[in-house]
C-alpha atoms as a PDB file:
ATOM      1  CA  MET A   1       4.244 170.179 173.029  1.00  0.00           C
ATOM      2  CA  SER A   2       4.213 167.947 169.954  1.00  0.00           C
ATOM      3  CA  SER A   3       5.100 169.225 166.491  1.00  0.00           C
ATOM      4  CA  LEU A   4       1.650 168.104 165.310  1.00  0.00           C
ATOM      5  CA  LEU A   5      -0.054 170.414 167.785  1.00  0.00           C
ATOM      6  CA  PHE A   6       2.095 173.303 166.608  1.00  0.00           C
ATOM      7  CA  MET A   7       1.063 172.517 163.043  1.00  0.00           C
ATOM      8  CA  LEU A   8      -2.613 172.476 163.978  1.00  0.00           C
ATOM      9  CA  ILE A   9      -2.384 175.841 165.698  1.00  0.00           C
ATOM     10  CA  ALA A  10      -0.519 177.341 162.771  1.00  0.00           C
ATOM     11  CA  ALA A  11      -3.208 176.082 160.409  1.00  0.00           C
ATOM     12  CA  SER A  12      -5.907 177.824 162.526  1.00  0.00           C
ATOM     13  CA  PHE A  13      -7.726 174.647 163.472  1.00  0.00           C
ATOM     14  CA  ASN A  14      -9.908 174.789 166.593  1.00  0.00           C
ATOM     15  CA  VAL A  15      -7.812 173.075 169.233  1.00  0.00           C
ATOM     16  CA  TYR A  16      -9.380 172.463 172.642  1.00  0.00           C
ATOM     17  CA  THR A  17      -8.215 170.603 175.708  1.00  0.00           C
ATOM     18  CA  SER A  18     -10.313 168.761 178.243  1.00  0.00           C
ATOM     19  CA  GLN A  19      -7.811 169.516 180.970  1.00  0.00           C
ATOM     20  CA  LYS A  20      -9.471 172.262 182.960  1.00  0.00           C
ATOM     21  CA  GLU A  21      -6.352 172.573 185.083  1.00  0.00           C
ATOM     22  CA  ILE A  22      -4.703 174.710 182.411  1.00  0.00           C
ATOM     23  CA  PHE A  23      -7.179 177.464 183.154  1.00  0.00           C
ATOM     24  CA  SER A  24      -6.129 177.641 186.781  1.00  0.00           C
ATOM     25  CA  TYR A  25      -3.159 179.620 185.484  1.00  0.00           C
ATOM     26  CA  SER A  26      -3.646 183.297 184.832  1.00  0.00           C
ATOM     27  CA  ARG A  27      -4.522 183.871 181.194  1.00  0.00           C
ATOM     28  CA  ASP A  28      -2.077 186.747 181.323  1.00  0.00           C
ATOM     29  CA  THR A  29       0.785 184.280 181.882  1.00  0.00           C
ATOM     30  CA  LEU A  30      -0.293 182.030 179.015  1.00  0.00           C
ATOM     31  CA  PHE A  31      -0.390 184.524 176.184  1.00  0.00           C
ATOM     32  CA  GLY A  32       1.557 187.505 174.928  1.00  0.00           C
ATOM     33  CA  TYR A  33       0.107 190.926 174.207  1.00  0.00           C
ATOM     34  CA  ASN A  34       0.439 193.617 171.582  1.00  0.00           C
ATOM     35  CA  LEU A  35      -1.184 197.016 171.951  1.00  0.00           C
ATOM     36  CA  LYS A  36      -0.749 197.944 168.285  1.00  0.00           C
ATOM     37  CA  PRO A  37      -3.804 197.649 166.016  1.00  0.00           C
ATOM     38  CA  GLU A  38      -3.991 194.185 164.534  1.00  0.00           C
ATOM     39  CA  LEU A  39      -4.387 194.009 160.752  1.00  0.00           C
ATOM     40  CA  SER A  40      -5.804 190.576 160.085  1.00  0.00           C
ATOM     41  CA  ALA A  41      -5.079 188.378 157.114  1.00  0.00           C
ATOM     42  CA  SER A  42      -7.525 188.338 154.228  1.00  0.00           C
ATOM     43  CA  TYR A  43      -9.288 185.106 155.222  1.00  0.00           C
ATOM     44  CA  PHE A  44     -12.153 184.852 157.691  1.00  0.00           C
ATOM     45  CA  SER A  45     -11.932 182.753 160.824  1.00  0.00           C
ATOM     46  CA  ILE A  46     -14.151 182.720 163.869  1.00  0.00           C
ATOM     47  CA  ASN A  47     -10.972 182.380 165.916  1.00  0.00           C
ATOM     48  CA  LYS A  48      -9.424 185.698 164.945  1.00  0.00           C
ATOM     49  CA  TYR A  49     -10.391 189.373 164.947  1.00  0.00           C
ATOM     50  CA  ASN A  50     -11.847 190.033 161.509  1.00  0.00           C
ATOM     51  CA  SER A  51     -12.239 193.328 159.682  1.00  0.00           C
ATOM     52  CA  ALA A  52     -15.655 194.865 159.080  1.00  0.00           C
ATOM     53  CA  ASP A  53     -15.455 193.805 155.427  1.00  0.00           C
ATOM     54  CA  GLN A  54     -14.573 190.247 156.395  1.00  0.00           C
ATOM     55  CA  ILE A  55     -17.487 190.135 158.825  1.00  0.00           C
ATOM     56  CA  ASN A  56     -19.904 191.351 156.159  1.00  0.00           C
ATOM     57  CA  SER A  57     -18.546 188.813 153.675  1.00  0.00           C
ATOM     58  CA  TYR A  58     -19.129 186.046 156.218  1.00  0.00           C
ATOM     59  CA  LEU A  59     -22.709 187.203 156.759  1.00  0.00           C
ATOM     60  CA  ASP A  60     -23.212 187.135 152.991  1.00  0.00           C
ATOM     61  CA  HIS A  61     -21.817 183.607 152.969  1.00  0.00           C
ATOM     62  CA  LEU A  62     -24.235 182.462 155.669  1.00  0.00           C
ATOM     63  CA  ALA A  63     -27.228 183.968 153.871  1.00  0.00           C
ATOM     64  CA  GLU A  64     -26.263 182.368 150.557  1.00  0.00           C
ATOM     65  CA  LYS A  65     -25.198 178.948 151.801  1.00  0.00           C
ATOM     66  CA  HIS A  66     -27.932 178.556 154.431  1.00  0.00           C
ATOM     67  CA  SER A  67     -30.821 180.417 152.832  1.00  0.00           C
ATOM     68  CA  LYS A  68     -33.429 178.237 154.563  1.00  0.00           C
ATOM     69  CA  LEU A  69     -32.138 179.343 157.952  1.00  0.00           C
ATOM     70  CA  VAL A  70     -30.607 182.780 157.461  1.00  0.00           C
ATOM     71  CA  THR A  71     -32.006 186.113 156.329  1.00  0.00           C
ATOM     72  CA  LYS A  72     -29.622 189.059 156.153  1.00  0.00           C
ATOM     73  CA  GLU A  73     -30.794 192.677 156.294  1.00  0.00           C
ATOM     74  CA  ILE A  74     -28.889 195.948 156.170  1.00  0.00           C
ATOM     75  CA  ILE A  75     -30.653 197.886 158.922  1.00  0.00           C
ATOM     76  CA  GLY A  76     -28.740 201.141 158.560  1.00  0.00           C
ATOM     77  CA  TRP A  77     -25.551 202.860 157.494  1.00  0.00           C
ATOM     78  CA  SER A  78     -22.835 204.254 159.710  1.00  0.00           C
ATOM     79  CA  VAL A  79     -21.505 207.811 159.699  1.00  0.00           C
ATOM     80  CA  GLU A  80     -18.842 206.746 157.179  1.00  0.00           C
ATOM     81  CA  ASN A  81     -21.393 204.843 155.111  1.00  0.00           C
ATOM     82  CA  ARG A  82     -20.574 201.310 156.210  1.00  0.00           C
ATOM     83  CA  PRO A  83     -23.478 198.835 156.355  1.00  0.00           C
ATOM     84  CA  ILE A  84     -24.912 197.791 159.698  1.00  0.00           C
ATOM     85  CA  THR A  85     -26.220 194.275 159.223  1.00  0.00           C
ATOM     86  CA  ALA A  86     -28.670 192.138 161.146  1.00  0.00           C
ATOM     87  CA  VAL A  87     -29.020 188.401 160.627  1.00  0.00           C
ATOM     88  CA  LYS A  88     -32.233 186.539 161.393  1.00  0.00           C
ATOM     89  CA  VAL A  89     -31.890 182.832 162.072  1.00  0.00           C
ATOM     90  CA  THR A  90     -35.006 180.661 162.107  1.00  0.00           C
ATOM     91  CA  ASN A  91     -35.950 177.391 160.484  1.00  0.00           C
ATOM     92  CA  ASP A  92     -39.538 178.451 159.700  1.00  0.00           C
ATOM     93  CA  SER A  93     -40.573 182.098 159.540  1.00  0.00           C
ATOM     94  CA  SER A  94     -44.249 181.131 159.377  1.00  0.00           C
ATOM     95  CA  VAL A  95     -44.156 179.738 162.914  1.00  0.00           C
ATOM     96  CA  ARG A  96     -44.345 182.284 165.707  1.00  0.00           C
ATOM     97  CA  LYS A  97     -41.565 181.894 168.241  1.00  0.00           C
ATOM     98  CA  PRO A  98     -40.098 183.916 171.087  1.00  0.00           C
ATOM     99  CA  VAL A  99     -37.444 186.314 169.792  1.00  0.00           C
ATOM    100  CA  ILE A 100     -33.917 186.892 171.064  1.00  0.00           C
ATOM    101  CA  VAL A 101     -31.973 189.990 169.972  1.00  0.00           C
ATOM    102  CA  ILE A 102     -28.188 190.092 170.280  1.00  0.00           C
ATOM    103  CA  ASP A 103     -25.824 192.912 169.373  1.00  0.00           C
ATOM    104  CA  ALA A 104     -22.105 193.489 169.744  1.00  0.00           C
ATOM    105  CA  GLY A 105     -19.438 196.009 168.922  1.00  0.00           C
ATOM    106  CA  ILE A 106     -21.236 199.164 170.044  1.00  0.00           C
ATOM    107  CA  HIS A 107     -17.901 200.188 171.567  1.00  0.00           C
ATOM    108  CA  ALA A 108     -15.125 200.067 169.001  1.00  0.00           C
ATOM    109  CA  ARG A 109     -12.213 198.751 171.056  1.00  0.00           C
ATOM    110  CA  GLU A 110     -14.118 195.798 172.517  1.00  0.00           C
ATOM    111  CA  TRP A 111     -13.099 193.383 169.770  1.00  0.00           C
ATOM    112  CA  ILE A 112     -14.012 190.211 171.613  1.00  0.00           C
ATOM    113  CA  ALA A 113     -17.700 191.194 171.524  1.00  0.00           C
ATOM    114  CA  PRO A 114     -18.172 190.876 167.729  1.00  0.00           C
ATOM    115  CA  ALA A 115     -16.079 187.699 167.847  1.00  0.00           C
ATOM    116  CA  VAL A 116     -18.526 186.197 170.337  1.00  0.00           C
ATOM    117  CA  ALA A 117     -21.544 187.252 168.255  1.00  0.00           C
ATOM    118  CA  LEU A 118     -20.006 185.651 165.168  1.00  0.00           C
ATOM    119  CA  HIS A 119     -19.307 182.456 167.066  1.00  0.00           C
ATOM    120  CA  ILE A 120     -22.950 182.294 168.152  1.00  0.00           C
ATOM    121  CA  LEU A 121     -23.982 182.612 164.505  1.00  0.00           C
ATOM    122  CA  TYR A 122     -21.505 179.919 163.539  1.00  0.00           C
ATOM    123  CA  GLU A 123     -22.906 177.509 166.114  1.00  0.00           C
ATOM    124  CA  LEU A 124     -26.559 178.210 165.278  1.00  0.00           C
ATOM    125  CA  VAL A 125     -26.121 177.977 161.511  1.00  0.00           C
ATOM    126  CA  GLU A 126     -22.999 176.095 160.440  1.00  0.00           C
ATOM    127  CA  ASN A 127     -23.234 173.686 163.366  1.00  0.00           C
ATOM    128  CA  TYR A 128     -26.988 173.339 162.887  1.00  0.00           C
ATOM    129  CA  ASP A 129     -26.970 169.531 163.061  1.00  0.00           C
ATOM    130  CA  LYS A 130     -25.353 169.730 166.491  1.00  0.00           C
ATOM    131  CA  ASN A 131     -27.424 172.672 167.759  1.00  0.00           C
ATOM    132  CA  LYS A 132     -30.697 172.071 165.904  1.00  0.00           C
ATOM    133  CA  ASN A 133     -32.852 172.148 169.018  1.00  0.00           C
ATOM    134  CA  LEU A 134     -31.385 175.472 170.071  1.00  0.00           C
ATOM    135  CA  THR A 135     -31.543 177.052 166.620  1.00  0.00           C
ATOM    136  CA  ASP A 136     -35.139 175.955 166.164  1.00  0.00           C
ATOM    137  CA  ALA A 137     -36.258 176.888 169.672  1.00  0.00           C
ATOM    138  CA  VAL A 138     -36.440 180.634 169.123  1.00  0.00           C
ATOM    139  CA  GLU A 139     -36.099 183.263 166.413  1.00  0.00           C
ATOM    140  CA  TRP A 140     -32.623 184.783 166.615  1.00  0.00           C
ATOM    141  CA  HIS A 141     -31.738 188.316 165.515  1.00  0.00           C
ATOM    142  CA  ILE A 142     -28.020 189.057 165.709  1.00  0.00           C
ATOM    143  CA  ILE A 143     -26.207 192.312 164.876  1.00  0.00           C
ATOM    144  CA  PRO A 144     -22.521 191.376 165.102  1.00  0.00           C
ATOM    145  CA  LEU A 145     -21.037 194.841 164.566  1.00  0.00           C
ATOM    146  CA  LEU A 146     -23.074 197.913 165.492  1.00  0.00           C
ATOM    147  CA  ASN A 147     -20.220 200.424 165.282  1.00  0.00           C
ATOM    148  CA  PRO A 148     -18.227 199.487 162.163  1.00  0.00           C
ATOM    149  CA  ASP A 149     -16.542 202.900 161.746  1.00  0.00           C
ATOM    150  CA  GLY A 150     -15.140 202.974 165.251  1.00  0.00           C
ATOM    151  CA  TYR A 151     -14.154 199.330 165.005  1.00  0.00           C
ATOM    152  CA  GLU A 152     -12.157 199.918 161.829  1.00  0.00           C
ATOM    153  CA  PHE A 153     -10.552 203.022 163.318  1.00  0.00           C
ATOM    154  CA  SER A 154      -9.461 200.936 166.323  1.00  0.00           C
ATOM    155  CA  ARG A 155      -7.942 198.390 163.930  1.00  0.00           C
ATOM    156  CA  THR A 156      -5.978 200.859 161.824  1.00  0.00           C
ATOM    157  CA  GLU A 157      -5.316 204.000 163.892  1.00  0.00           C
ATOM    158  CA  ASP A 158      -6.084 203.903 167.614  1.00  0.00           C
ATOM    159  CA  ARG A 159      -6.509 200.509 169.287  1.00  0.00           C
ATOM    160  CA  MET A 160      -8.240 202.057 172.306  1.00  0.00           C
ATOM    161  CA  TRP A 161     -10.871 204.039 170.357  1.00  0.00           C
ATOM    162  CA  ARG A 162     -14.335 203.671 171.933  1.00  0.00           C
ATOM    163  CA  LYS A 163     -16.848 205.932 170.185  1.00  0.00           C
ATOM    164  CA  ASN A 164     -18.210 206.161 166.665  1.00  0.00           C
ATOM    165  CA  ARG A 165     -16.619 208.547 164.146  1.00  0.00           C
ATOM    166  CA  ALA A 166     -19.186 211.333 163.988  1.00  0.00           C
ATOM    167  CA  ASN A 167     -18.138 214.955 163.694  1.00  0.00           C
ATOM    168  CA  THR A 168     -18.803 217.028 166.802  1.00  0.00           C
ATOM    169  CA  SER A 169     -18.713 220.672 167.779  1.00  0.00           C
ATOM    170  CA  ASN A 170     -15.010 220.226 168.511  1.00  0.00           C
ATOM    171  CA  PRO A 171     -13.077 219.386 165.320  1.00  0.00           C
ATOM    172  CA  PHE A 172     -10.315 217.802 167.400  1.00  0.00           C
ATOM    173  CA  CYS A 173     -12.684 215.476 169.287  1.00  0.00           C
ATOM    174  CA  PRO A 174     -14.839 213.331 167.004  1.00  0.00           C
ATOM    175  CA  GLY A 175     -17.135 210.588 168.139  1.00  0.00           C
ATOM    176  CA  VAL A 176     -20.202 209.867 170.257  1.00  0.00           C
ATOM    177  CA  ASP A 177     -20.499 207.152 172.877  1.00  0.00           C
ATOM    178  CA  LEU A 178     -23.293 205.147 171.292  1.00  0.00           C
ATOM    179  CA  ASN A 179     -24.166 203.495 174.589  1.00  0.00           C
ATOM    180  CA  ARG A 180     -25.094 206.875 176.052  1.00  0.00           C
ATOM    181  CA  ASN A 181     -27.219 207.874 173.046  1.00  0.00           C
ATOM    182  CA  PHE A 182     -30.509 206.092 173.807  1.00  0.00           C
ATOM    183  CA  ASP A 183     -33.504 208.075 174.992  1.00  0.00           C
ATOM    184  CA  LEU A 184     -33.908 206.808 178.542  1.00  0.00           C
ATOM    185  CA  TYR A 185     -32.585 209.317 181.092  1.00  0.00           C
ATOM    186  CA  PHE A 186     -30.513 210.775 178.287  1.00  0.00           C
ATOM    187  CA  GLY A 187     -27.738 212.955 179.691  1.00  0.00           C
ATOM    188  CA  GLY A 188     -28.077 211.501 183.180  1.00  0.00           C
ATOM    189  CA  SER A 189     -25.478 210.035 185.490  1.00  0.00           C
ATOM    190  CA  GLY A 190     -22.317 208.641 183.953  1.00  0.00           C
ATOM    191  CA  THR A 191     -22.509 210.735 180.790  1.00  0.00           C
ATOM    192  CA  SER A 192     -20.741 213.802 179.434  1.00  0.00           C
ATOM    193  CA  LEU A 193     -21.597 216.876 177.362  1.00  0.00           C
ATOM    194  CA  ASP A 194     -17.941 217.304 176.393  1.00  0.00           C
ATOM    195  CA  PRO A 195     -17.146 215.906 172.915  1.00  0.00           C
ATOM    196  CA  CYS A 196     -13.617 215.140 174.076  1.00  0.00           C
ATOM    197  CA  ASP A 197     -14.851 212.718 176.736  1.00  0.00           C
ATOM    198  CA  GLU A 198     -15.298 209.021 176.035  1.00  0.00           C
ATOM    199  CA  THR A 199     -18.866 209.128 177.365  1.00  0.00           C
ATOM    200  CA  TYR A 200     -20.003 212.060 175.193  1.00  0.00           C
ATOM    201  CA  ILE A 201     -23.753 211.695 174.624  1.00  0.00           C
ATOM    202  CA  GLY A 202     -24.140 213.427 171.261  1.00  0.00           C
ATOM    203  CA  THR A 203     -26.444 216.284 170.327  1.00  0.00           C
ATOM    204  CA  GLY A 204     -29.617 214.456 171.309  1.00  0.00           C
ATOM    205  CA  PRO A 205     -31.190 211.025 171.796  1.00  0.00           C
ATOM    206  CA  PHE A 206     -30.595 208.844 168.749  1.00  0.00           C
ATOM    207  CA  SER A 207     -28.517 211.534 167.092  1.00  0.00           C
ATOM    208  CA  GLU A 208     -26.333 208.797 165.600  1.00  0.00           C
ATOM    209  CA  PRO A 209     -27.194 206.557 162.647  1.00  0.00           C
ATOM    210  CA  GLU A 210     -25.891 203.500 164.471  1.00  0.00           C
ATOM    211  CA  THR A 211     -28.270 203.829 167.426  1.00  0.00           C
ATOM    212  CA  ARG A 212     -31.144 204.718 165.102  1.00  0.00           C
ATOM    213  CA  ALA A 213     -30.445 201.553 163.139  1.00  0.00           C
ATOM    214  CA  LEU A 214     -30.822 199.390 166.253  1.00  0.00           C
ATOM    215  CA  ARG A 215     -33.892 201.311 167.420  1.00  0.00           C
ATOM    216  CA  ASN A 216     -35.673 201.159 164.071  1.00  0.00           C
ATOM    217  CA  TYR A 217     -34.968 197.470 163.688  1.00  0.00           C
ATOM    218  CA  ALA A 218     -35.925 196.471 167.223  1.00  0.00           C
ATOM    219  CA  VAL A 219     -39.240 198.355 167.341  1.00  0.00           C
ATOM    220  CA  LYS A 220     -40.498 196.326 164.365  1.00  0.00           C
ATOM    221  CA  LEU A 221     -39.914 192.999 166.093  1.00  0.00           C
ATOM    222  CA  LYS A 222     -42.626 191.259 168.079  1.00  0.00           C
ATOM    223  CA  ASN A 223     -42.295 188.866 170.987  1.00  0.00           C
ATOM    224  CA  VAL A 224     -38.778 189.926 171.954  1.00  0.00           C
ATOM    225  CA  LYS A 225     -38.175 188.110 175.222  1.00  0.00           C
ATOM    226  CA  LEU A 226     -34.400 188.427 175.646  1.00  0.00           C
ATOM    227  CA  TYR A 227     -31.845 191.065 174.703  1.00  0.00           C
ATOM    228  CA  LEU A 228     -28.088 190.544 175.028  1.00  0.00           C
ATOM    229  CA  THR A 229     -25.551 193.252 174.291  1.00  0.00           C
ATOM    230  CA  PHE A 230     -21.956 192.063 174.420  1.00  0.00           C
ATOM    231  CA  HIS A 231     -19.198 194.334 175.733  1.00  0.00           C
ATOM    232  CA  SER A 232     -15.812 194.020 177.367  1.00  0.00           C
ATOM    233  CA  TYR A 233     -14.273 193.860 179.771  1.00  0.00           C
ATOM    234  CA  GLY A 234     -14.825 192.742 183.355  1.00  0.00           C
ATOM    235  CA  GLN A 235     -16.724 189.426 183.514  1.00  0.00           C
ATOM    236  CA  TYR A 236     -20.138 190.736 184.506  1.00  0.00           C
ATOM    237  CA  PHE A 237     -23.736 189.757 183.790  1.00  0.00           C
ATOM    238  CA  LEU A 238     -25.492 193.105 184.204  1.00  0.00           C
ATOM    239  CA  TYR A 239     -29.191 193.871 184.239  1.00  0.00           C
ATOM    240  CA  PRO A 240     -31.083 197.198 184.512  1.00  0.00           C
ATOM    241  CA  TRP A 241     -31.173 199.721 185.689  1.00  0.00           C
ATOM    242  CA  GLY A 242     -28.031 201.492 184.574  1.00  0.00           C
ATOM    243  CA  PHE A 243     -29.368 205.027 184.976  1.00  0.00           C
ATOM    244  CA  GLY A 244     -29.477 204.901 188.777  1.00  0.00           C
ATOM    245  CA  ASP A 245     -29.864 202.883 191.956  1.00  0.00           C
ATOM    246  CA  ALA A 246     -33.455 201.741 191.342  1.00  0.00           C
ATOM    247  CA  LEU A 247     -34.163 198.132 190.418  1.00  0.00           C
ATOM    248  CA  PRO A 248     -36.868 196.803 188.079  1.00  0.00           C
ATOM    249  CA  LYS A 249     -39.874 195.234 189.746  1.00  0.00           C
ATOM    250  CA  ASP A 250     -38.858 191.868 188.289  1.00  0.00           C
ATOM    251  CA  TRP A 251     -35.176 192.153 189.204  1.00  0.00           C
ATOM    252  CA  LYS A 252     -35.246 188.830 191.052  1.00  0.00           C
ATOM    253  CA  ASP A 253     -36.221 187.068 187.818  1.00  0.00           C
ATOM    254  CA  LEU A 254     -33.415 188.826 185.964  1.00  0.00           C
ATOM    255  CA  ASP A 255     -30.931 187.981 188.681  1.00  0.00           C
ATOM    256  CA  ARG A 256     -31.932 184.325 188.883  1.00  0.00           C
ATOM    257  CA  LEU A 257     -31.675 183.696 185.138  1.00  0.00           C
ATOM    258  CA  ALA A 258     -28.358 185.538 184.918  1.00  0.00           C
ATOM    259  CA  ARG A 259     -26.931 183.403 187.717  1.00  0.00           C
ATOM    260  CA  ASP A 260     -28.073 180.244 185.933  1.00  0.00           C
ATOM    261  CA  ALA A 261     -26.369 181.466 182.743  1.00  0.00           C
ATOM    262  CA  GLU A 262     -23.211 182.265 184.695  1.00  0.00           C
ATOM    263  CA  LYS A 263     -23.142 178.739 186.094  1.00  0.00           C
ATOM    264  CA  ALA A 264     -23.436 177.296 182.600  1.00  0.00           C
ATOM    265  CA  LEU A 265     -20.557 179.473 181.409  1.00  0.00           C
ATOM    266  CA  SER A 266     -18.438 178.629 184.429  1.00  0.00           C
ATOM    267  CA  SER A 267     -18.911 174.895 183.873  1.00  0.00           C
ATOM    268  CA  VAL A 268     -16.670 174.998 180.776  1.00  0.00           C
ATOM    269  CA  TYR A 269     -13.371 176.395 182.069  1.00  0.00           C
ATOM    270  CA  GLY A 270     -14.173 177.632 185.556  1.00  0.00           C
ATOM    271  CA  THR A 271     -14.480 181.309 184.574  1.00  0.00           C
ATOM    272  CA  HIS A 272     -16.658 183.290 186.973  1.00  0.00           C
ATOM    273  CA  TYR A 273     -18.744 186.399 186.361  1.00  0.00           C
ATOM    274  CA  GLU A 274     -20.309 188.769 188.858  1.00  0.00           C
ATOM    275  CA  VAL A 275     -24.068 189.194 188.560  1.00  0.00           C
ATOM    276  CA  GLY A 276     -26.044 192.306 189.466  1.00  0.00           C
ATOM    277  CA  SER A 277     -27.512 195.553 188.255  1.00  0.00           C
ATOM    278  CA  SER A 278     -25.319 197.809 186.149  1.00  0.00           C
ATOM    279  CA  THR A 279     -25.366 200.606 188.691  1.00  0.00           C
ATOM    280  CA  GLN A 280     -24.696 198.271 191.598  1.00  0.00           C
ATOM    281  CA  LEU A 281     -21.595 196.746 190.037  1.00  0.00           C
ATOM    282  CA  LEU A 282     -20.177 199.446 187.750  1.00  0.00           C
ATOM    283  CA  GLY A 283     -21.869 202.707 188.705  1.00  0.00           C
ATOM    284  CA  ALA A 284     -24.575 204.660 186.948  1.00  0.00           C
ATOM    285  CA  ALA A 285     -24.451 205.092 183.163  1.00  0.00           C
ATOM    286  CA  ALA A 286     -27.609 206.540 181.647  1.00  0.00           C
ATOM    287  CA  GLY A 287     -28.704 206.245 178.037  1.00  0.00           C
ATOM    288  CA  GLY A 288     -27.703 202.617 177.514  1.00  0.00           C
ATOM    289  CA  SER A 289     -29.274 200.132 175.148  1.00  0.00           C
ATOM    290  CA  ASP A 290     -30.171 197.536 177.792  1.00  0.00           C
ATOM    291  CA  ASP A 291     -32.191 200.034 179.839  1.00  0.00           C
ATOM    292  CA  TRP A 292     -33.898 201.250 176.668  1.00  0.00           C
ATOM    293  CA  MET A 293     -34.844 197.750 175.540  1.00  0.00           C
ATOM    294  CA  LYS A 294     -36.459 196.967 178.862  1.00  0.00           C
ATOM    295  CA  ALA A 295     -38.158 200.297 179.540  1.00  0.00           C
ATOM    296  CA  ARG A 296     -39.242 201.289 176.025  1.00  0.00           C
ATOM    297  CA  LEU A 297     -39.808 197.929 174.323  1.00  0.00           C
ATOM    298  CA  GLY A 298     -40.803 195.887 177.361  1.00  0.00           C
ATOM    299  CA  VAL A 299     -38.125 193.198 176.915  1.00  0.00           C
ATOM    300  CA  LYS A 300     -38.266 191.331 180.207  1.00  0.00           C
ATOM    301  CA  TYR A 301     -34.787 189.850 180.141  1.00  0.00           C
ATOM    302  CA  SER A 302     -32.327 192.540 179.102  1.00  0.00           C
ATOM    303  CA  TYR A 303     -28.627 192.073 179.847  1.00  0.00           C
ATOM    304  CA  THR A 304     -25.244 193.600 179.206  1.00  0.00           C
ATOM    305  CA  VAL A 305     -22.555 190.914 179.212  1.00  0.00           C
ATOM    306  CA  GLU A 306     -19.067 192.209 179.933  1.00  0.00           C
ATOM    307  CA  LEU A 307     -16.684 189.621 178.534  1.00  0.00           C
ATOM    308  CA  PRO A 308     -13.194 188.832 179.893  1.00  0.00           C
ATOM    309  CA  GLY A 309     -10.325 191.267 179.471  1.00  0.00           C
ATOM    310  CA  GLY A 310      -6.643 190.849 178.806  1.00  0.00           C
ATOM    311  CA  GLY A 311      -3.605 192.504 177.316  1.00  0.00           C
ATOM    312  CA  LEU A 312      -1.999 195.736 178.437  1.00  0.00           C
ATOM    313  CA  LYS A 313      -5.221 197.752 178.528  1.00  0.00           C
ATOM    314  CA  GLY A 314      -7.871 195.135 179.211  1.00  0.00           C
ATOM    315  CA  PHE A 315      -9.635 195.610 175.888  1.00  0.00           C
ATOM    316  CA  ASP A 316      -6.849 194.057 173.814  1.00  0.00           C
ATOM    317  CA  LEU A 317      -7.601 190.432 174.587  1.00  0.00           C
ATOM    318  CA  PRO A 318      -5.067 188.300 172.674  1.00  0.00           C
ATOM    319  CA  THR A 319      -6.301 186.407 169.639  1.00  0.00           C
ATOM    320  CA  GLN A 320      -5.269 183.107 171.198  1.00  0.00           C
ATOM    321  CA  GLN A 321      -7.958 183.497 173.842  1.00  0.00           C
ATOM    322  CA  ILE A 322     -10.869 183.878 171.417  1.00  0.00           C
ATOM    323  CA  PRO A 323     -11.774 180.142 171.233  1.00  0.00           C
ATOM    324  CA  PHE A 324     -11.957 179.859 175.004  1.00  0.00           C
ATOM    325  CA  VAL A 325     -14.108 182.948 175.540  1.00  0.00           C
ATOM    326  CA  THR A 326     -16.470 182.153 172.683  1.00  0.00           C
ATOM    327  CA  LYS A 327     -16.905 178.526 173.687  1.00  0.00           C
ATOM    328  CA  GLU A 328     -17.747 179.247 177.307  1.00  0.00           C
ATOM    329  CA  THR A 329     -20.021 182.161 176.413  1.00  0.00           C
ATOM    330  CA  PHE A 330     -21.992 179.998 174.025  1.00  0.00           C
ATOM    331  CA  GLU A 331     -22.871 177.691 176.917  1.00  0.00           C
ATOM    332  CA  ALA A 332     -24.560 180.636 178.631  1.00  0.00           C
ATOM    333  CA  VAL A 333     -26.371 181.561 175.423  1.00  0.00           C
ATOM    334  CA  LYS A 334     -27.607 177.997 175.074  1.00  0.00           C
ATOM    335  CA  LEU A 335     -29.077 178.030 178.557  1.00  0.00           C
ATOM    336  CA  LEU A 336     -30.752 181.380 177.916  1.00  0.00           C
ATOM    337  CA  GLY A 337     -32.153 180.252 174.586  1.00  0.00           C
ATOM    338  CA  PHE A 338     -33.707 177.085 175.957  1.00  0.00           C
ATOM    339  CA  TYR A 339     -35.087 178.970 178.962  1.00  0.00           C
ATOM    340  CA  ILE A 340     -36.795 181.547 176.754  1.00  0.00           C
ATOM    341  CA  SER A 341     -38.195 178.805 174.536  1.00  0.00           C
ATOM    342  CA  ASN A 342     -39.616 176.861 177.466  1.00  0.00           C
ATOM    343  CA  HIS A 343     -40.851 179.641 179.727  1.00  0.00           C
ATOM    344  CA  GLU A 344     -41.786 182.734 177.734  1.00  0.00           C
ATOM    345  CA  ARG A 345     -45.171 182.819 176.037  1.00  0.00           C
ATOM    346  CA  ILE A 346     -45.628 184.571 172.718  1.00  0.00           C
ATOM    347  CA  LYS A 347     -48.549 186.807 171.878  1.00  0.00           C
END
């Protein structure tokens, strides 16, 4: 490898290769791993894992520099009083368009999810000249970090932390699984009443400020046609239902569009995802946001996207892999965005 390439990597430039053959090797053999929490440098980069403060500063930057495209809103506050921020991206708010809602980081340890959400924002806004047709096609609402407390705890204390940081009835077992806290089949299969379990549901539906923030924001939106919630890991495109074996009446539509998105993603580096209902592929897990969006808000296309894993525990995907995962995922998002623009009528 040339010294120039080493210099480019060290300077955090985006370096890509057109040689797809490199991805025939296992990603685990290409990169090293470190299970310790990663304390990032002070600067922001879409190709590293940023702190909650760095993410919020970047959102401020987008809103200030691209005020004609970007509107930032604090939609709630976490248990530890961190802001939960949504970003709306549209070139003309007076024109009605189909709406896409994206969130990430509901589970603290799944760091690649906020990184993907931030990359989508970067492409829609800072690469507007390149992606103008996509940015203008729909109205985008993106919440890059839904669980900032848990995320920061996973960065500084426990890399494998999953839940938020709420107090519970057991002082030794804080935290609620936010993706079991929505009010559809709350407390059903795949959940726990034990605060010490990773799937603890909380004291009631929407007991947590983080899930209330998403709920209160989403119910105000009109013409939401697509919902994506990014998780890791596993390489799955999942659609409802997650609460049990039943399938939505329109499951064939959900399946077809997900398979088209998977093909678009796979075309970049050859990465393949499995497509199916959440229960079919991963087992039942009631109280999730994707089920709630479809059942309660009537969002036709509602998906959980489980991004690739890596590292010693699966969730600790090495920083070096971020550009590859974000680039290929954006191809799927592009396909979904254009599909929604061309096929979904607004009221």
